[in-house]
């Protein structure tokens, strides 16, 4: 698994606040950037479990699942995120998730 000084710093912060959604998200993005796809997915899934209202997670989780060749799981992530966005009234996130879902659905139809 690839690592970086930034990742190590984020992991140090996370050890002090293990359920902090922002830190979990930052660690997931850093793992994704370093090519640690499986680990990034684990962190995104942890956010969905521990902080389901952290709406930004669903878009990034879906995109990573798409990249990983898992379109059905990506669609489920987008749909879950859309439900959360509606619940919390985040129209911007809802729009982004709906766009990603539509884009993926179009690709599946081809």
N, C-alpha and C. Protein backbone atom coordinates (compact mmCIF):
# COMPACT_ATOMS: atom_id res chain seq x y z
N UNK A 1 0.85 -1.19 0.00
CA UNK A 1 0.00 0.00 0.00
C UNK A 1 0.89 1.24 0.00
N UNK A 2 0.56 2.17 -0.86
CA UNK A 2 1.31 3.41 -0.94
C UNK A 2 0.94 4.33 0.23
N UNK A 3 1.90 5.13 0.65
CA UNK A 3 1.67 6.08 1.74
C UNK A 3 2.33 7.40 1.39
N UNK A 4 2.05 8.40 2.18
CA UNK A 4 2.62 9.73 1.97
C UNK A 4 2.68 10.43 3.32
N UNK A 5 3.49 11.49 3.42
CA UNK A 5 3.52 12.24 4.68
C UNK A 5 2.14 12.81 5.03
N UNK A 6 1.40 13.24 4.01
CA UNK A 6 0.05 13.78 4.25
C UNK A 6 -0.85 12.70 4.82
N UNK A 7 -0.80 11.50 4.24
CA UNK A 7 -1.63 10.40 4.73
C UNK A 7 -1.27 10.08 6.17
N UNK A 8 0.01 10.04 6.48
CA UNK A 8 0.42 9.74 7.85
C UNK A 8 -0.10 10.79 8.83
N UNK A 9 -0.03 12.04 8.42
CA UNK A 9 -0.53 13.13 9.27
C UNK A 9 -2.04 12.97 9.50
N UNK A 10 -2.77 12.68 8.43
CA UNK A 10 -4.22 12.49 8.56
C UNK A 10 -4.54 11.31 9.47
N UNK A 11 -3.78 10.22 9.32
CA UNK A 11 -4.00 9.05 10.18
C UNK A 11 -3.71 9.36 11.64
N UNK A 12 -2.71 10.21 11.89
CA UNK A 12 -2.41 10.63 13.26
C UNK A 12 -3.59 11.41 13.84
N UNK A 13 -4.14 12.34 13.06
CA UNK A 13 -5.32 13.10 13.50
C UNK A 13 -6.50 12.16 13.75
N UNK A 14 -6.66 11.20 12.85
CA UNK A 14 -7.77 10.26 12.94
C UNK A 14 -7.68 9.39 14.19
N UNK A 15 -6.47 9.06 14.61
CA UNK A 15 -6.32 8.23 15.81
C UNK A 15 -6.87 8.95 17.04
N UNK A 16 -6.86 10.28 17.02
CA UNK A 16 -7.41 11.05 18.13
C UNK A 16 -8.93 11.23 18.01
N UNK A 17 -9.46 11.16 16.78
CA UNK A 17 -10.90 11.32 16.53
C UNK A 17 -11.35 10.29 15.50
N UNK A 18 -11.45 9.02 15.89
CA UNK A 18 -11.65 7.94 14.92
C UNK A 18 -12.96 7.97 14.14
N UNK A 19 -13.97 8.69 14.60
CA UNK A 19 -15.24 8.74 13.88
C UNK A 19 -15.51 10.10 13.25
N UNK A 20 -14.49 10.93 13.14
CA UNK A 20 -14.65 12.25 12.54
C UNK A 20 -14.84 12.09 11.03
N UNK A 21 -16.04 12.40 10.55
CA UNK A 21 -16.37 12.18 9.14
C UNK A 21 -15.45 12.95 8.20
N UNK A 22 -15.11 14.17 8.56
CA UNK A 22 -14.23 14.98 7.70
C UNK A 22 -12.85 14.32 7.57
N UNK A 23 -12.30 13.86 8.70
CA UNK A 23 -11.00 13.19 8.66
C UNK A 23 -11.07 11.86 7.91
N UNK A 24 -12.13 11.10 8.15
CA UNK A 24 -12.30 9.84 7.42
C UNK A 24 -12.36 10.09 5.91
N UNK A 25 -13.08 11.15 5.54
CA UNK A 25 -13.19 11.50 4.12
C UNK A 25 -11.83 11.90 3.55
N UNK A 26 -11.09 12.70 4.30
CA UNK A 26 -9.76 13.14 3.85
C UNK A 26 -8.83 11.94 3.69
N UNK A 27 -8.90 10.99 4.61
CA UNK A 27 -8.07 9.79 4.52
C UNK A 27 -8.49 8.96 3.30
N UNK A 28 -9.79 8.82 3.08
CA UNK A 28 -10.28 8.07 1.91
C UNK A 28 -9.78 8.71 0.62
N UNK A 29 -9.88 10.03 0.52
CA UNK A 29 -9.44 10.73 -0.69
C UNK A 29 -7.94 10.57 -0.89
N UNK A 30 -7.18 10.62 0.18
CA UNK A 30 -5.73 10.47 0.08
C UNK A 30 -5.37 9.05 -0.38
N UNK A 31 -6.05 8.05 0.18
CA UNK A 31 -5.82 6.67 -0.27
C UNK A 31 -6.18 6.54 -1.75
N UNK A 32 -7.28 7.15 -2.14
CA UNK A 32 -7.70 7.09 -3.54
C UNK A 32 -6.63 7.72 -4.44
N UNK A 33 -6.13 8.87 -4.03
CA UNK A 33 -5.09 9.58 -4.79
C UNK A 33 -3.82 8.72 -4.93
N UNK A 34 -3.51 7.96 -3.90
CA UNK A 34 -2.30 7.12 -3.90
C UNK A 34 -2.52 5.77 -4.60
N UNK A 35 -3.75 5.52 -5.06
CA UNK A 35 -4.04 4.27 -5.75
C UNK A 35 -4.41 3.12 -4.83
N UNK A 36 -4.66 3.40 -3.56
CA UNK A 36 -5.06 2.38 -2.58
C UNK A 36 -6.59 2.24 -2.61
N UNK A 37 -7.11 1.74 -3.72
CA UNK A 37 -8.55 1.71 -3.96
C UNK A 37 -9.32 0.96 -2.89
N UNK A 38 -8.88 -0.24 -2.56
CA UNK A 38 -9.61 -1.05 -1.58
C UNK A 38 -9.68 -0.34 -0.22
N UNK A 39 -8.60 0.28 0.18
CA UNK A 39 -8.58 0.98 1.47
C UNK A 39 -9.46 2.23 1.40
N UNK A 40 -9.42 2.93 0.29
CA UNK A 40 -10.30 4.10 0.11
C UNK A 40 -11.76 3.69 0.24
N UNK A 41 -12.12 2.59 -0.40
CA UNK A 41 -13.50 2.09 -0.32
C UNK A 41 -13.88 1.77 1.12
N UNK A 42 -12.97 1.17 1.87
CA UNK A 42 -13.24 0.85 3.28
C UNK A 42 -13.54 2.12 4.07
N UNK A 43 -12.77 3.17 3.83
CA UNK A 43 -13.00 4.42 4.56
C UNK A 43 -14.32 5.07 4.15
N UNK A 44 -14.62 5.07 2.86
CA UNK A 44 -15.92 5.61 2.42
C UNK A 44 -17.07 4.84 3.06
N UNK A 45 -16.95 3.51 3.09
CA UNK A 45 -18.00 2.69 3.69
C UNK A 45 -18.14 2.99 5.19
N UNK A 46 -17.03 3.23 5.85
CA UNK A 46 -17.10 3.55 7.29
C UNK A 46 -17.86 4.86 7.50
N UNK A 47 -17.63 5.85 6.62
CA UNK A 47 -18.35 7.12 6.74
C UNK A 47 -19.85 6.89 6.56
N UNK A 48 -20.22 6.09 5.55
CA UNK A 48 -21.63 5.82 5.29
C UNK A 48 -22.27 5.17 6.53
N UNK A 49 -21.49 4.33 7.21
CA UNK A 49 -22.01 3.64 8.40
C UNK A 49 -22.05 4.55 9.63
N UNK A 50 -20.96 5.29 9.87
CA UNK A 50 -20.87 6.08 11.11
C UNK A 50 -21.46 7.48 10.99
N UNK A 51 -21.46 8.05 9.79
CA UNK A 51 -21.97 9.41 9.57
C UNK A 51 -22.78 9.45 8.28
N UNK A 52 -23.92 8.75 8.24
CA UNK A 52 -24.67 8.63 6.99
C UNK A 52 -25.13 9.96 6.40
N UNK A 53 -25.21 11.00 7.20
CA UNK A 53 -25.64 12.31 6.67
C UNK A 53 -24.49 13.11 6.07
N UNK A 54 -23.28 12.58 6.07
CA UNK A 54 -22.14 13.26 5.45
C UNK A 54 -22.26 13.02 3.94
N UNK A 55 -23.08 13.86 3.33
CA UNK A 55 -23.60 13.61 1.98
C UNK A 55 -22.54 13.58 0.88
N UNK A 56 -21.43 14.27 1.05
CA UNK A 56 -20.40 14.29 0.03
C UNK A 56 -19.77 12.93 -0.24
N UNK A 57 -19.88 12.05 0.72
CA UNK A 57 -19.28 10.72 0.60
C UNK A 57 -19.87 9.93 -0.56
N UNK A 58 -21.17 10.02 -0.75
CA UNK A 58 -21.85 9.15 -1.69
C UNK A 58 -21.39 9.35 -3.13
N UNK A 59 -21.15 10.60 -3.50
CA UNK A 59 -20.68 10.89 -4.87
C UNK A 59 -19.31 10.25 -5.09
N UNK A 60 -18.41 10.48 -4.17
CA UNK A 60 -17.04 9.97 -4.32
C UNK A 60 -17.01 8.44 -4.22
N UNK A 61 -17.82 7.88 -3.35
CA UNK A 61 -17.93 6.42 -3.25
C UNK A 61 -18.44 5.86 -4.57
N UNK A 62 -19.49 6.47 -5.11
CA UNK A 62 -20.05 6.00 -6.38
C UNK A 62 -19.05 6.08 -7.52
N UNK A 63 -18.33 7.19 -7.60
CA UNK A 63 -17.34 7.35 -8.67
C UNK A 63 -16.23 6.30 -8.56
N UNK A 64 -15.79 6.02 -7.33
CA UNK A 64 -14.75 5.02 -7.15
C UNK A 64 -15.27 3.63 -7.50
N UNK A 65 -16.51 3.35 -7.15
CA UNK A 65 -17.11 2.07 -7.50
C UNK A 65 -17.23 1.94 -9.03
N UNK A 66 -17.60 3.03 -9.69
CA UNK A 66 -17.67 3.02 -11.15
C UNK A 66 -16.30 2.67 -11.73
N UNK A 67 -15.29 3.39 -11.24
CA UNK A 67 -13.92 3.18 -11.72
C UNK A 67 -13.46 1.74 -11.47
N UNK A 68 -14.00 1.15 -10.42
CA UNK A 68 -13.65 -0.22 -10.03
C UNK A 68 -14.45 -1.26 -10.82
N UNK A 69 -15.32 -0.80 -11.72
CA UNK A 69 -16.12 -1.73 -12.51
C UNK A 69 -17.30 -2.32 -11.76
N UNK A 70 -17.86 -1.55 -10.83
CA UNK A 70 -19.01 -2.01 -10.04
C UNK A 70 -20.17 -1.04 -10.20
N UNK A 71 -20.78 -0.99 -11.40
CA UNK A 71 -21.83 0.01 -11.66
C UNK A 71 -23.08 -0.16 -10.80
N UNK A 72 -23.45 -1.40 -10.46
CA UNK A 72 -24.65 -1.60 -9.65
C UNK A 72 -24.47 -1.00 -8.26
N UNK A 73 -23.28 -1.23 -7.67
CA UNK A 73 -23.01 -0.66 -6.35
C UNK A 73 -22.91 0.86 -6.43
N UNK A 74 -22.36 1.36 -7.52
CA UNK A 74 -22.27 2.81 -7.70
C UNK A 74 -23.67 3.42 -7.74
N UNK A 75 -24.58 2.80 -8.49
CA UNK A 75 -25.96 3.30 -8.55
C UNK A 75 -26.60 3.30 -7.16
N UNK A 76 -26.34 2.25 -6.38
CA UNK A 76 -26.89 2.20 -5.02
C UNK A 76 -26.32 3.33 -4.17
N UNK A 77 -25.03 3.63 -4.34
CA UNK A 77 -24.41 4.73 -3.58
C UNK A 77 -25.06 6.06 -3.96
N UNK A 78 -25.25 6.29 -5.27
CA UNK A 78 -25.89 7.53 -5.72
C UNK A 78 -27.31 7.65 -5.18
N UNK A 79 -28.07 6.55 -5.25
CA UNK A 79 -29.46 6.58 -4.77
C UNK A 79 -29.50 6.85 -3.27
N UNK A 80 -28.64 6.20 -2.51
CA UNK A 80 -28.59 6.44 -1.06
C UNK A 80 -28.24 7.89 -0.77
N UNK A 81 -27.26 8.41 -1.51
CA UNK A 81 -26.86 9.80 -1.33
C UNK A 81 -27.98 10.77 -1.67
N UNK A 82 -28.75 10.45 -2.71
CA UNK A 82 -29.88 11.31 -3.07
C UNK A 82 -30.92 11.35 -1.96
N UNK A 83 -31.16 10.20 -1.34
CA UNK A 83 -32.11 10.16 -0.21
C UNK A 83 -31.61 11.03 0.94
N UNK A 84 -30.33 10.94 1.25
CA UNK A 84 -29.75 11.75 2.32
C UNK A 84 -29.84 13.24 1.96
N UNK A 85 -29.49 13.57 0.73
CA UNK A 85 -29.51 14.97 0.29
C UNK A 85 -30.93 15.55 0.41
N UNK A 86 -31.92 14.75 0.03
CA UNK A 86 -33.32 15.21 0.17
C UNK A 86 -33.66 15.43 1.64
N UNK A 87 -33.25 14.46 2.47
CA UNK A 87 -33.56 14.52 3.90
C UNK A 87 -32.97 15.77 4.56
N UNK A 88 -31.72 16.10 4.19
CA UNK A 88 -31.06 17.24 4.85
C UNK A 88 -31.25 18.54 4.07
N UNK A 89 -31.92 18.46 2.91
CA UNK A 89 -32.21 19.67 2.14
C UNK A 89 -31.02 20.24 1.38
N UNK A 90 -30.10 19.37 0.96
CA UNK A 90 -28.92 19.83 0.22
C UNK A 90 -29.18 19.65 -1.28
N UNK A 91 -29.70 20.72 -1.89
CA UNK A 91 -30.09 20.63 -3.31
C UNK A 91 -28.88 20.50 -4.22
N UNK A 92 -27.76 21.10 -3.87
CA UNK A 92 -26.56 21.00 -4.70
C UNK A 92 -26.08 19.55 -4.76
N UNK A 93 -25.98 18.91 -3.61
CA UNK A 93 -25.55 17.51 -3.57
C UNK A 93 -26.56 16.63 -4.31
N UNK A 94 -27.83 16.90 -4.13
CA UNK A 94 -28.86 16.13 -4.82
C UNK A 94 -28.69 16.23 -6.33
N UNK A 95 -28.42 17.42 -6.81
CA UNK A 95 -28.23 17.64 -8.24
C UNK A 95 -27.00 16.89 -8.76
N UNK A 96 -25.89 16.97 -8.03
CA UNK A 96 -24.66 16.25 -8.44
C UNK A 96 -24.88 14.75 -8.46
N UNK A 97 -25.52 14.23 -7.44
CA UNK A 97 -25.76 12.79 -7.36
C UNK A 97 -26.72 12.33 -8.46
N UNK A 98 -27.76 13.12 -8.71
CA UNK A 98 -28.71 12.77 -9.77
C UNK A 98 -28.02 12.77 -11.13
N UNK A 99 -27.13 13.73 -11.35
CA UNK A 99 -26.38 13.80 -12.60
C UNK A 99 -25.48 12.59 -12.77
N UNK A 100 -24.78 12.21 -11.71
CA UNK A 100 -23.90 11.04 -11.77
C UNK A 100 -24.71 9.77 -12.01
N UNK A 101 -25.85 9.66 -11.37
CA UNK A 101 -26.72 8.49 -11.53
C UNK A 101 -27.23 8.42 -12.97
N UNK A 102 -27.65 9.55 -13.50
CA UNK A 102 -28.17 9.59 -14.86
C UNK A 102 -27.08 9.23 -15.87
N UNK A 103 -25.89 9.78 -15.66
CA UNK A 103 -24.75 9.49 -16.53
C UNK A 103 -24.45 7.99 -16.53
N UNK A 104 -24.44 7.39 -15.36
CA UNK A 104 -24.15 5.96 -15.24
C UNK A 104 -25.27 5.14 -15.86
N UNK A 105 -26.52 5.53 -15.64
CA UNK A 105 -27.65 4.80 -16.21
C UNK A 105 -27.59 4.85 -17.73
N UNK A 106 -27.24 5.98 -18.29
CA UNK A 106 -27.10 6.12 -19.75
C UNK A 106 -26.02 5.18 -20.27
N UNK A 107 -24.90 5.09 -19.55
CA UNK A 107 -23.81 4.21 -19.97
C UNK A 107 -24.26 2.77 -19.95
N UNK A 108 -25.07 2.39 -18.94
CA UNK A 108 -25.54 1.02 -18.83
C UNK A 108 -26.48 0.64 -19.96
N UNK A 109 -27.21 1.64 -20.48
CA UNK A 109 -28.19 1.38 -21.54
C UNK A 109 -27.54 1.13 -22.89
N UNK A 110 -26.30 1.55 -23.06
CA UNK A 110 -25.64 1.43 -24.37
C UNK A 110 -25.26 0.00 -24.67
